[in-house]
Amino acid sequence: MTTLAVRAIPVTDLRSDIDGALEGLGRRQLLKILKRGEPIGVLLRPETYERLEAEHRALEDRLEGLAETLAILQDKKMLRMIKKSLRELQRGKARPWEEVFGEPL
């Protein structure tokens, strides 16, 4: 996960030297823009944004997987079916994929 250094800058300073502020923006830095001491926006480099966006998508995927796992764990019928299938597998009652579905895996 990306850790960013946050640097705050008043909007008035940003207006007077936007080129300098953007040039000084590092790869792992976020520029928080303040108006009257309150944050009103952020600036970051495009590659930092893209990295954060990719991390966000990956986290969403993981959370979706966790939600699916929780749903299965809460479904008693599904758990019984899984346990039954595991017992059958341990007893050697498994069949090859090709036999069941008629095509290679």
PDB file of N, CA and C in Angstrom:
ATOM      1  N   MET A   1       0.838  -1.170   0.000  1.00  0.00           N
ATOM      2  CA  MET A   1       0.000   0.000   0.000  1.00  0.00           C
ATOM      3  C   MET A   1       0.890   1.242   0.000  1.00  0.00           C
ATOM      4  N   THR A   2       0.511   2.207  -0.759  1.00  0.00           N
ATOM      5  CA  THR A   2       1.297   3.418  -0.913  1.00  0.00           C
ATOM      6  C   THR A   2       1.145   4.331   0.297  1.00  0.00           C
ATOM      7  N   THR A   3       2.271   4.791   0.797  1.00  0.00           N
ATOM      8  CA  THR A   3       2.264   5.797   1.852  1.00  0.00           C
ATOM      9  C   THR A   3       2.700   7.107   1.222  1.00  0.00           C
ATOM     10  N   LEU A   4       1.910   8.142   1.445  1.00  0.00           N
ATOM     11  CA  LEU A   4       2.203   9.435   0.848  1.00  0.00           C
ATOM     12  C   LEU A   4       2.594  10.440   1.917  1.00  0.00           C
ATOM     13  N   ALA A   5       3.562  11.253   1.584  1.00  0.00           N
ATOM     14  CA  ALA A   5       3.903  12.396   2.432  1.00  0.00           C
ATOM     15  C   ALA A   5       2.945  13.524   2.047  1.00  0.00           C
ATOM     16  N   VAL A   6       2.319  14.100   3.039  1.00  0.00           N
ATOM     17  CA  VAL A   6       1.354  15.169   2.778  1.00  0.00           C
ATOM     18  C   VAL A   6       1.998  16.512   3.089  1.00  0.00           C
ATOM     19  N   ARG A   7       1.914  17.399   2.114  1.00  0.00           N
ATOM     20  CA  ARG A   7       2.409  18.759   2.305  1.00  0.00           C
ATOM     21  C   ARG A   7       1.232  19.698   2.082  1.00  0.00           C
ATOM     22  N   ALA A   8       1.006  20.571   3.033  1.00  0.00           N
ATOM     23  CA  ALA A   8      -0.114  21.512   2.932  1.00  0.00           C
ATOM     24  C   ALA A   8       0.376  22.843   2.382  1.00  0.00           C
ATOM     25  N   ILE A   9      -0.481  23.458   1.577  1.00  0.00           N
ATOM     26  CA  ILE A   9      -0.141  24.762   1.012  1.00  0.00           C
ATOM     27  C   ILE A   9      -1.416  25.606   0.947  1.00  0.00           C
ATOM     28  N   PRO A  10      -1.347  26.837   1.417  1.00  0.00           N
ATOM     29  CA  PRO A  10      -2.513  27.719   1.295  1.00  0.00           C
ATOM     30  C   PRO A  10      -2.796  28.018  -0.180  1.00  0.00           C
ATOM     31  N   VAL A  11      -4.056  28.147  -0.518  1.00  0.00           N
ATOM     32  CA  VAL A  11      -4.444  28.395  -1.893  1.00  0.00           C
ATOM     33  C   VAL A  11      -3.819  29.687  -2.417  1.00  0.00           C
ATOM     34  N   THR A  12      -3.625  30.663  -1.544  1.00  0.00           N
ATOM     35  CA  THR A  12      -3.009  31.923  -1.981  1.00  0.00           C
ATOM     36  C   THR A  12      -1.563  31.694  -2.416  1.00  0.00           C
ATOM     37  N   ASP A  13      -0.815  30.848  -1.684  1.00  0.00           N
ATOM     38  CA  ASP A  13       0.560  30.521  -2.085  1.00  0.00           C
ATOM     39  C   ASP A  13       0.571  29.732  -3.389  1.00  0.00           C
ATOM     40  N   LEU A  14      -0.389  28.837  -3.526  1.00  0.00           N
ATOM     41  CA  LEU A  14      -0.467  28.034  -4.752  1.00  0.00           C
ATOM     42  C   LEU A  14      -0.734  28.932  -5.956  1.00  0.00           C
ATOM     43  N   ARG A  15      -1.628  29.907  -5.800  1.00  0.00           N
ATOM     44  CA  ARG A  15      -1.931  30.834  -6.901  1.00  0.00           C
ATOM     45  C   ARG A  15      -0.684  31.602  -7.335  1.00  0.00           C
ATOM     46  N   SER A  16       0.108  32.015  -6.350  1.00  0.00           N
ATOM     47  CA  SER A  16       1.264  32.856  -6.688  1.00  0.00           C
ATOM     48  C   SER A  16       2.423  32.053  -7.280  1.00  0.00           C
ATOM     49  N   ASP A  17       2.489  30.737  -7.009  1.00  0.00           N
ATOM     50  CA  ASP A  17       3.608  29.947  -7.530  1.00  0.00           C
ATOM     51  C   ASP A  17       3.170  28.519  -7.845  1.00  0.00           C
ATOM     52  N   ILE A  18       2.208  28.395  -8.738  1.00  0.00           N
ATOM     53  CA  ILE A  18       1.716  27.049  -9.067  1.00  0.00           C
ATOM     54  C   ILE A  18       2.789  26.212  -9.752  1.00  0.00           C
ATOM     55  N   ASP A  19       3.610  26.851 -10.609  1.00  0.00           N
ATOM     56  CA  ASP A  19       4.686  26.108 -11.276  1.00  0.00           C
ATOM     57  C   ASP A  19       5.654  25.515 -10.254  1.00  0.00           C
ATOM     58  N   GLY A  20       6.057  26.323  -9.290  1.00  0.00           N
ATOM     59  CA  GLY A  20       6.983  25.850  -8.263  1.00  0.00           C
ATOM     60  C   GLY A  20       6.376  24.742  -7.419  1.00  0.00           C
ATOM     61  N   ALA A  21       5.104  24.896  -7.087  1.00  0.00           N
ATOM     62  CA  ALA A  21       4.434  23.877  -6.280  1.00  0.00           C
ATOM     63  C   ALA A  21       4.359  22.551  -7.033  1.00  0.00           C
ATOM     64  N   LEU A  22       4.031  22.616  -8.322  1.00  0.00           N
ATOM     65  CA  LEU A  22       3.932  21.383  -9.104  1.00  0.00           C
ATOM     66  C   LEU A  22       5.299  20.761  -9.352  1.00  0.00           C
ATOM     67  N   GLU A  23       6.303  21.582  -9.601  1.00  0.00           N
ATOM     68  CA  GLU A  23       7.656  21.049  -9.811  1.00  0.00           C
ATOM     69  C   GLU A  23       8.183  20.384  -8.549  1.00  0.00           C
ATOM     70  N   GLY A  24       7.825  20.921  -7.396  1.00  0.00           N
ATOM     71  CA  GLY A  24       8.298  20.359  -6.134  1.00  0.00           C
ATOM     72  C   GLY A  24       7.501  19.158  -5.651  1.00  0.00           C
ATOM     73  N   LEU A  25       6.465  18.801  -6.381  1.00  0.00           N
ATOM     74  CA  LEU A  25       5.622  17.685  -5.991  1.00  0.00           C
ATOM     75  C   LEU A  25       6.348  16.379  -6.272  1.00  0.00           C
ATOM     76  N   GLY A  26       6.676  15.661  -5.225  1.00  0.00           N
ATOM     77  CA  GLY A  26       7.416  14.410  -5.368  1.00  0.00           C
ATOM     78  C   GLY A  26       6.530  13.256  -5.791  1.00  0.00           C
ATOM     79  N   ARG A  27       7.168  12.124  -6.094  1.00  0.00           N
ATOM     80  CA  ARG A  27       6.435  10.946  -6.584  1.00  0.00           C
ATOM     81  C   ARG A  27       5.526  10.352  -5.522  1.00  0.00           C
ATOM     82  N   ARG A  28       5.884  10.471  -4.282  1.00  0.00           N
ATOM     83  CA  ARG A  28       5.062   9.924  -3.198  1.00  0.00           C
ATOM     84  C   ARG A  28       4.558  11.045  -2.303  1.00  0.00           C
ATOM     85  N   GLN A  29       4.178  12.114  -2.934  1.00  0.00           N
ATOM     86  CA  GLN A  29       3.743  13.276  -2.179  1.00  0.00           C
ATOM     87  C   GLN A  29       2.374  13.735  -2.639  1.00  0.00           C
ATOM     88  N   LEU A  30       1.616  14.179  -1.688  1.00  0.00           N
ATOM     89  CA  LEU A  30       0.293  14.728  -1.956  1.00  0.00           C
ATOM     90  C   LEU A  30       0.317  16.170  -1.474  1.00  0.00           C
ATOM     91  N   LEU A  31      -0.168  17.051  -2.284  1.00  0.00           N
ATOM     92  CA  LEU A  31      -0.208  18.474  -1.929  1.00  0.00           C
ATOM     93  C   LEU A  31      -1.640  18.817  -1.535  1.00  0.00           C
ATOM     94  N   LYS A  32      -1.834  19.083  -0.249  1.00  0.00           N
ATOM     95  CA  LYS A  32      -3.160  19.423   0.257  1.00  0.00           C
ATOM     96  C   LYS A  32      -3.328  20.930   0.183  1.00  0.00           C
ATOM     97  N   ILE A  33      -4.365  21.373  -0.514  1.00  0.00           N
ATOM     98  CA  ILE A  33      -4.616  22.796  -0.709  1.00  0.00           C
ATOM     99  C   ILE A  33      -5.580  23.279   0.379  1.00  0.00           C
ATOM    100  N   LEU A  34      -5.170  24.346   1.051  1.00  0.00           N
ATOM    101  CA  LEU A  34      -5.966  24.875   2.161  1.00  0.00           C
ATOM    102  C   LEU A  34      -6.542  26.250   1.830  1.00  0.00           C
ATOM    103  N   LYS A  35      -7.753  26.482   2.294  1.00  0.00           N
ATOM    104  CA  LYS A  35      -8.370  27.794   2.206  1.00  0.00           C
ATOM    105  C   LYS A  35      -8.876  28.123   3.605  1.00  0.00           C
ATOM    106  N   ARG A  36      -8.321  29.193   4.158  1.00  0.00           N
ATOM    107  CA  ARG A  36      -8.622  29.568   5.540  1.00  0.00           C
ATOM    108  C   ARG A  36      -8.350  28.422   6.507  1.00  0.00           C
ATOM    109  N   GLY A  37      -7.288  27.670   6.207  1.00  0.00           N
ATOM    110  CA  GLY A  37      -6.875  26.580   7.082  1.00  0.00           C
ATOM    111  C   GLY A  37      -7.613  25.270   6.894  1.00  0.00           C
ATOM    112  N   GLU A  38      -8.622  25.255   6.019  1.00  0.00           N
ATOM    113  CA  GLU A  38      -9.415  24.044   5.775  1.00  0.00           C
ATOM    114  C   GLU A  38      -9.044  23.442   4.423  1.00  0.00           C
ATOM    115  N   PRO A  39      -8.920  22.109   4.349  1.00  0.00           N
ATOM    116  CA  PRO A  39      -8.596  21.474   3.067  1.00  0.00           C
ATOM    117  C   PRO A  39      -9.730  21.647   2.056  1.00  0.00           C
ATOM    118  N   ILE A  40      -9.357  22.032   0.833  1.00  0.00           N
ATOM    119  CA  ILE A  40     -10.356  22.195  -0.227  1.00  0.00           C
ATOM    120  C   ILE A  40     -10.013  21.355  -1.459  1.00  0.00           C
ATOM    121  N   GLY A  41      -8.847  20.743  -1.478  1.00  0.00           N
ATOM    122  CA  GLY A  41      -8.471  19.920  -2.618  1.00  0.00           C
ATOM    123  C   GLY A  41      -7.091  19.337  -2.431  1.00  0.00           C
ATOM    124  N   VAL A  42      -6.710  18.492  -3.372  1.00  0.00           N
ATOM    125  CA  VAL A  42      -5.390  17.878  -3.354  1.00  0.00           C
ATOM    126  C   VAL A  42      -4.819  17.857  -4.764  1.00  0.00           C
ATOM    127  N   LEU A  43      -3.521  17.850  -4.833  1.00  0.00           N
ATOM    128  CA  LEU A  43      -2.803  17.676  -6.094  1.00  0.00           C
ATOM    129  C   LEU A  43      -1.826  16.528  -5.910  1.00  0.00           C
ATOM    130  N   LEU A  44      -1.712  15.696  -6.947  1.00  0.00           N
ATOM    131  CA  LEU A  44      -0.702  14.654  -6.930  1.00  0.00           C
ATOM    132  C   LEU A  44      -0.303  14.332  -8.352  1.00  0.00           C
ATOM    133  N   ARG A  45       0.837  13.692  -8.495  1.00  0.00           N
ATOM    134  CA  ARG A  45       1.346  13.369  -9.824  1.00  0.00           C
ATOM    135  C   ARG A  45       0.470  12.298 -10.471  1.00  0.00           C
ATOM    136  N   PRO A  46       0.367  12.287 -11.798  1.00  0.00           N
ATOM    137  CA  PRO A  46      -0.481  11.295 -12.474  1.00  0.00           C
ATOM    138  C   PRO A  46      -0.101   9.851 -12.122  1.00  0.00           C
ATOM    139  N   GLU A  47       1.189   9.546 -12.042  1.00  0.00           N
ATOM    140  CA  GLU A  47       1.585   8.169 -11.726  1.00  0.00           C
ATOM    141  C   GLU A  47       1.205   7.788 -10.289  1.00  0.00           C
ATOM    142  N   THR A  48       1.193   8.769  -9.395  1.00  0.00           N
ATOM    143  CA  THR A  48       0.753   8.506  -8.019  1.00  0.00           C
ATOM    144  C   THR A  48      -0.739   8.221  -8.011  1.00  0.00           C
ATOM    145  N   TYR A  49      -1.497   9.011  -8.758  1.00  0.00           N
ATOM    146  CA  TYR A  49      -2.937   8.793  -8.865  1.00  0.00           C
ATOM    147  C   TYR A  49      -3.229   7.409  -9.431  1.00  0.00           C
ATOM    148  N   GLU A  50      -2.522   7.030 -10.491  1.00  0.00           N
ATOM    149  CA  GLU A  50      -2.746   5.731 -11.127  1.00  0.00           C
ATOM    150  C   GLU A  50      -2.404   4.588 -10.174  1.00  0.00           C
ATOM    151  N   ARG A  51      -1.330   4.735  -9.409  1.00  0.00           N
ATOM    152  CA  ARG A  51      -0.951   3.715  -8.433  1.00  0.00           C
ATOM    153  C   ARG A  51      -2.021   3.598  -7.344  1.00  0.00           C
ATOM    154  N   LEU A  52      -2.504   4.726  -6.859  1.00  0.00           N
ATOM    155  CA  LEU A  52      -3.552   4.712  -5.835  1.00  0.00           C
ATOM    156  C   LEU A  52      -4.841   4.097  -6.376  1.00  0.00           C
ATOM    157  N   GLU A  53      -5.163   4.415  -7.615  1.00  0.00           N
ATOM    158  CA  GLU A  53      -6.367   3.868  -8.242  1.00  0.00           C
ATOM    159  C   GLU A  53      -6.254   2.350  -8.389  1.00  0.00           C
ATOM    160  N   ALA A  54      -5.079   1.860  -8.797  1.00  0.00           N
ATOM    161  CA  ALA A  54      -4.858   0.411  -8.929  1.00  0.00           C
ATOM    162  C   ALA A  54      -4.956  -0.275  -7.567  1.00  0.00           C
ATOM    163  N   GLU A  55      -4.393   0.344  -6.535  1.00  0.00           N
ATOM    164  CA  GLU A  55      -4.486  -0.220  -5.189  1.00  0.00           C
ATOM    165  C   GLU A  55      -5.937  -0.254  -4.722  1.00  0.00           C
ATOM    166  N   HIS A  56      -6.689   0.777  -5.052  1.00  0.00           N
ATOM    167  CA  HIS A  56      -8.099   0.831  -4.678  1.00  0.00           C
ATOM    168  C   HIS A  56      -8.875  -0.300  -5.338  1.00  0.00           C
ATOM    169  N   ARG A  57      -8.635  -0.521  -6.635  1.00  0.00           N
ATOM    170  CA  ARG A  57      -9.308  -1.616  -7.345  1.00  0.00           C
ATOM    171  C   ARG A  57      -8.947  -2.969  -6.734  1.00  0.00           C
ATOM    172  N   ALA A  58      -7.674  -3.152  -6.405  1.00  0.00           N
ATOM    173  CA  ALA A  58      -7.230  -4.415  -5.803  1.00  0.00           C
ATOM    174  C   ALA A  58      -7.908  -4.637  -4.450  1.00  0.00           C
ATOM    175  N   LEU A  59      -8.015  -3.583  -3.653  1.00  0.00           N
ATOM    176  CA  LEU A  59      -8.696  -3.701  -2.365  1.00  0.00           C
ATOM    177  C   LEU A  59     -10.175  -4.021  -2.542  1.00  0.00           C
ATOM    178  N   GLU A  60     -10.806  -3.390  -3.521  1.00  0.00           N
ATOM    179  CA  GLU A  60     -12.215  -3.694  -3.797  1.00  0.00           C
ATOM    180  C   GLU A  60     -12.390  -5.163  -4.166  1.00  0.00           C
ATOM    181  N   ASP A  61     -11.473  -5.684  -4.989  1.00  0.00           N
ATOM    182  CA  ASP A  61     -11.544  -7.095  -5.383  1.00  0.00           C
ATOM    183  C   ASP A  61     -11.402  -8.006  -4.172  1.00  0.00           C
ATOM    184  N   ARG A  62     -10.454  -7.672  -3.296  1.00  0.00           N
ATOM    185  CA  ARG A  62     -10.258  -8.485  -2.090  1.00  0.00           C
ATOM    186  C   ARG A  62     -11.482  -8.436  -1.188  1.00  0.00           C
ATOM    187  N   LEU A  63     -12.070  -7.251  -1.040  1.00  0.00           N
ATOM    188  CA  LEU A  63     -13.260  -7.120  -0.210  1.00  0.00           C
ATOM    189  C   LEU A  63     -14.430  -7.899  -0.805  1.00  0.00           C
ATOM    190  N   GLU A  64     -14.543  -7.880  -2.124  1.00  0.00           N
ATOM    191  CA  GLU A  64     -15.604  -8.641  -2.779  1.00  0.00           C
ATOM    192  C   GLU A  64     -15.420 -10.132  -2.509  1.00  0.00           C
ATOM    193  N   GLY A  65     -14.184 -10.591  -2.590  1.00  0.00           N
ATOM    194  CA  GLY A  65     -13.893 -11.997  -2.297  1.00  0.00           C
ATOM    195  C   GLY A  65     -14.209 -12.351  -0.851  1.00  0.00           C
ATOM    196  N   LEU A  66     -13.875 -11.460   0.059  1.00  0.00           N
ATOM    197  CA  LEU A  66     -14.189 -11.693   1.470  1.00  0.00           C
ATOM    198  C   LEU A  66     -15.696 -11.731   1.700  1.00  0.00           C
ATOM    199  N   ALA A  67     -16.427 -10.851   1.036  1.00  0.00           N
ATOM    200  CA  ALA A  67     -17.883 -10.835   1.175  1.00  0.00           C
ATOM    201  C   ALA A  67     -18.483 -12.146   0.671  1.00  0.00           C
ATOM    202  N   GLU A  68     -17.959 -12.654  -0.452  1.00  0.00           N
ATOM    203  CA  GLU A  68     -18.441 -13.933  -0.982  1.00  0.00           C
ATOM    204  C   GLU A  68     -18.140 -15.067  -0.010  1.00  0.00           C
ATOM    205  N   THR A  69     -16.943 -15.053   0.568  1.00  0.00           N
ATOM    206  CA  THR A  69     -16.571 -16.077   1.546  1.00  0.00           C
ATOM    207  C   THR A  69     -17.485 -16.026   2.755  1.00  0.00           C
ATOM    208  N   LEU A  70     -17.763 -14.824   3.248  1.00  0.00           N
ATOM    209  CA  LEU A  70     -18.670 -14.685   4.395  1.00  0.00           C
ATOM    210  C   LEU A  70     -20.064 -15.194   4.056  1.00  0.00           C
ATOM    211  N   ALA A  71     -20.524 -14.913   2.855  1.00  0.00           N
ATOM    212  CA  ALA A  71     -21.850 -15.382   2.449  1.00  0.00           C
ATOM    213  C   ALA A  71     -21.893 -16.909   2.438  1.00  0.00           C
ATOM    214  N   ILE A  72     -20.847 -17.536   1.946  1.00  0.00           N
ATOM    215  CA  ILE A  72     -20.788 -19.004   1.925  1.00  0.00           C
ATOM    216  C   ILE A  72     -20.750 -19.550   3.347  1.00  0.00           C
ATOM    217  N   LEU A  73     -19.928 -18.937   4.207  1.00  0.00           N
ATOM    218  CA  LEU A  73     -19.812 -19.409   5.583  1.00  0.00           C
ATOM    219  C   LEU A  73     -21.119 -19.263   6.359  1.00  0.00           C
ATOM    220  N   GLN A  74     -21.954 -18.334   5.957  1.00  0.00           N
ATOM    221  CA  GLN A  74     -23.235 -18.138   6.641  1.00  0.00           C
ATOM    222  C   GLN A  74     -24.345 -19.014   6.070  1.00  0.00           C
ATOM    223  N   ASP A  75     -24.080 -19.654   4.942  1.00  0.00           N
ATOM    224  CA  ASP A  75     -25.071 -20.505   4.293  1.00  0.00           C
ATOM    225  C   ASP A  75     -24.864 -21.947   4.764  1.00  0.00           C
ATOM    226  N   LYS A  76     -25.678 -22.387   5.704  1.00  0.00           N
ATOM    227  CA  LYS A  76     -25.518 -23.711   6.306  1.00  0.00           C
ATOM    228  C   LYS A  76     -25.657 -24.832   5.272  1.00  0.00           C
ATOM    229  N   LYS A  77     -26.577 -24.688   4.336  1.00  0.00           N
ATOM    230  CA  LYS A  77     -26.755 -25.706   3.310  1.00  0.00           C
ATOM    231  C   LYS A  77     -25.494 -25.815   2.447  1.00  0.00           C
ATOM    232  N   MET A  78     -24.938 -24.671   2.071  1.00  0.00           N
ATOM    233  CA  MET A  78     -23.724 -24.666   1.256  1.00  0.00           C
ATOM    234  C   MET A  78     -22.570 -25.321   2.015  1.00  0.00           C
ATOM    235  N   LEU A  79     -22.434 -25.016   3.307  1.00  0.00           N
ATOM    236  CA  LEU A  79     -21.362 -25.617   4.108  1.00  0.00           C
ATOM    237  C   LEU A  79     -21.521 -27.133   4.191  1.00  0.00           C
ATOM    238  N   ARG A  80     -22.752 -27.606   4.362  1.00  0.00           N
ATOM    239  CA  ARG A  80     -22.978 -29.057   4.402  1.00  0.00           C
ATOM    240  C   ARG A  80     -22.555 -29.689   3.074  1.00  0.00           C
ATOM    241  N   MET A  81     -22.889 -29.040   1.962  1.00  0.00           N
ATOM    242  CA  MET A  81     -22.517 -29.571   0.650  1.00  0.00           C
ATOM    243  C   MET A  81     -20.999 -29.603   0.485  1.00  0.00           C
ATOM    244  N   ILE A  82     -20.316 -28.556   0.946  1.00  0.00           N
ATOM    245  CA  ILE A  82     -18.854 -28.507   0.840  1.00  0.00           C
ATOM    246  C   ILE A  82     -18.229 -29.615   1.681  1.00  0.00           C
ATOM    247  N   LYS A  83     -18.722 -29.782   2.921  1.00  0.00           N
ATOM    248  CA  LYS A  83     -18.182 -30.832   3.803  1.00  0.00           C
ATOM    249  C   LYS A  83     -18.421 -32.212   3.213  1.00  0.00           C
ATOM    250  N   LYS A  84     -19.619 -32.430   2.637  1.00  0.00           N
ATOM    251  CA  LYS A  84     -19.919 -33.712   2.011  1.00  0.00           C
ATOM    252  C   LYS A  84     -18.967 -33.963   0.840  1.00  0.00           C
ATOM    253  N   SER A  85     -18.748 -32.947   0.035  1.00  0.00           N
ATOM    254  CA  SER A  85     -17.839 -33.078  -1.110  1.00  0.00           C
ATOM    255  C   SER A  85     -16.423 -33.389  -0.664  1.00  0.00           C
ATOM    256  N   LEU A  86     -15.974 -32.764   0.413  1.00  0.00           N
ATOM    257  CA  LEU A  86     -14.623 -33.035   0.924  1.00  0.00           C
ATOM    258  C   LEU A  86     -14.506 -34.467   1.430  1.00  0.00           C
ATOM    259  N   ARG A  87     -15.552 -34.957   2.111  1.00  0.00           N
ATOM    260  CA  ARG A  87     -15.530 -36.356   2.587  1.00  0.00           C
ATOM    261  C   ARG A  87     -15.468 -37.313   1.400  1.00  0.00           C
ATOM    262  N   GLU A  88     -16.253 -37.030   0.365  1.00  0.00           N
ATOM    263  CA  GLU A  88     -16.239 -37.886  -0.824  1.00  0.00           C
ATOM    264  C   GLU A  88     -14.870 -37.860  -1.498  1.00  0.00           C
ATOM    265  N   LEU A  89     -14.269 -36.712  -1.524  1.00  0.00           N
ATOM    266  CA  LEU A  89     -12.937 -36.581  -2.111  1.00  0.00           C
ATOM    267  C   LEU A  89     -11.928 -37.410  -1.326  1.00  0.00           C
ATOM    268  N   GLN A  90     -12.004 -37.351   0.018  1.00  0.00           N
ATOM    269  CA  GLN A  90     -11.093 -38.130   0.861  1.00  0.00           C
ATOM    270  C   GLN A  90     -11.303 -39.635   0.678  1.00  0.00           C
ATOM    271  N   ARG A  91     -12.507 -40.040   0.351  1.00  0.00           N
ATOM    272  CA  ARG A  91     -12.811 -41.464   0.139  1.00  0.00           C
ATOM    273  C   ARG A  91     -12.476 -41.923  -1.284  1.00  0.00           C
ATOM    274  N   GLY A  92     -11.963 -41.013  -2.082  1.00  0.00           N
ATOM    275  CA  GLY A  92     -11.581 -41.371  -3.439  1.00  0.00           C
ATOM    276  C   GLY A  92     -12.737 -41.391  -4.416  1.00  0.00           C
ATOM    277  N   LYS A  93     -13.817 -40.714  -4.083  1.00  0.00           N
ATOM    278  CA  LYS A  93     -14.989 -40.710  -4.951  1.00  0.00           C
ATOM    279  C   LYS A  93     -14.971 -39.555  -5.961  1.00  0.00           C
ATOM    280  N   ALA A  94     -13.837 -38.933  -6.127  1.00  0.00           N
ATOM    281  CA  ALA A  94     -13.738 -37.812  -7.063  1.00  0.00           C
ATOM    282  C   ALA A  94     -13.665 -38.334  -8.489  1.00  0.00           C
ATOM    283  N   ARG A  95     -14.170 -37.536  -9.430  1.00  0.00           N
ATOM    284  CA  ARG A  95     -14.096 -37.865 -10.842  1.00  0.00           C
ATOM    285  C   ARG A  95     -13.314 -36.773 -11.552  1.00  0.00           C
ATOM    286  N   PRO A  96     -12.554 -37.127 -12.569  1.00  0.00           N
ATOM    287  CA  PRO A  96     -11.782 -36.114 -13.301  1.00  0.00           C
ATOM    288  C   PRO A  96     -12.693 -35.081 -13.969  1.00  0.00           C
ATOM    289  N   TRP A  97     -12.188 -33.886 -14.102  1.00  0.00           N
ATOM    290  CA  TRP A  97     -12.906 -32.776 -14.730  1.00  0.00           C
ATOM    291  C   TRP A  97     -13.440 -33.179 -16.102  1.00  0.00           C
ATOM    292  N   GLU A  98     -12.552 -33.797 -16.903  1.00  0.00           N
ATOM    293  CA  GLU A  98     -12.922 -34.164 -18.262  1.00  0.00           C
ATOM    294  C   GLU A  98     -14.130 -35.099 -18.280  1.00  0.00           C
ATOM    295  N   GLU A  99     -14.179 -36.011 -17.292  1.00  0.00           N
ATOM    296  CA  GLU A  99     -15.296 -36.955 -17.227  1.00  0.00           C
ATOM    297  C   GLU A  99     -16.609 -36.239 -16.897  1.00  0.00           C
ATOM    298  N   VAL A 100     -16.532 -35.267 -16.013  1.00  0.00           N
ATOM    299  CA  VAL A 100     -17.735 -34.558 -15.580  1.00  0.00           C
ATOM    300  C   VAL A 100     -18.209 -33.584 -16.655  1.00  0.00           C
ATOM    301  N   PHE A 101     -17.269 -32.809 -17.210  1.00  0.00           N
ATOM    302  CA  PHE A 101     -17.649 -31.701 -18.103  1.00  0.00           C
ATOM    303  C   PHE A 101     -17.374 -31.997 -19.586  1.00  0.00           C
ATOM    304  N   GLY A 102     -16.707 -33.108 -19.874  1.00  0.00           N
ATOM    305  CA  GLY A 102     -16.473 -33.483 -21.267  1.00  0.00           C
ATOM    306  C   GLY A 102     -15.465 -32.645 -22.005  1.00  0.00           C
ATOM    307  N   GLU A 103     -14.645 -31.907 -21.278  1.00  0.00           N
ATOM    308  CA  GLU A 103     -13.596 -31.105 -21.909  1.00  0.00           C
ATOM    309  C   GLU A 103     -12.442 -30.933 -20.922  1.00  0.00           C
ATOM    310  N   PRO A 104     -11.241 -30.708 -21.449  1.00  0.00           N
ATOM    311  CA  PRO A 104     -10.084 -30.532 -20.546  1.00  0.00           C
ATOM    312  C   PRO A 104     -10.177 -29.252 -19.738  1.00  0.00           C
ATOM    313  N   LEU A 105      -9.573 -29.282 -18.594  1.00  0.00           N
ATOM    314  CA  LEU A 105      -9.575 -28.096 -17.693  1.00  0.00           C
ATOM    315  C   LEU A 105      -8.732 -27.003 -18.220  1.00  0.00           C
TER     316      LEU A 105
END
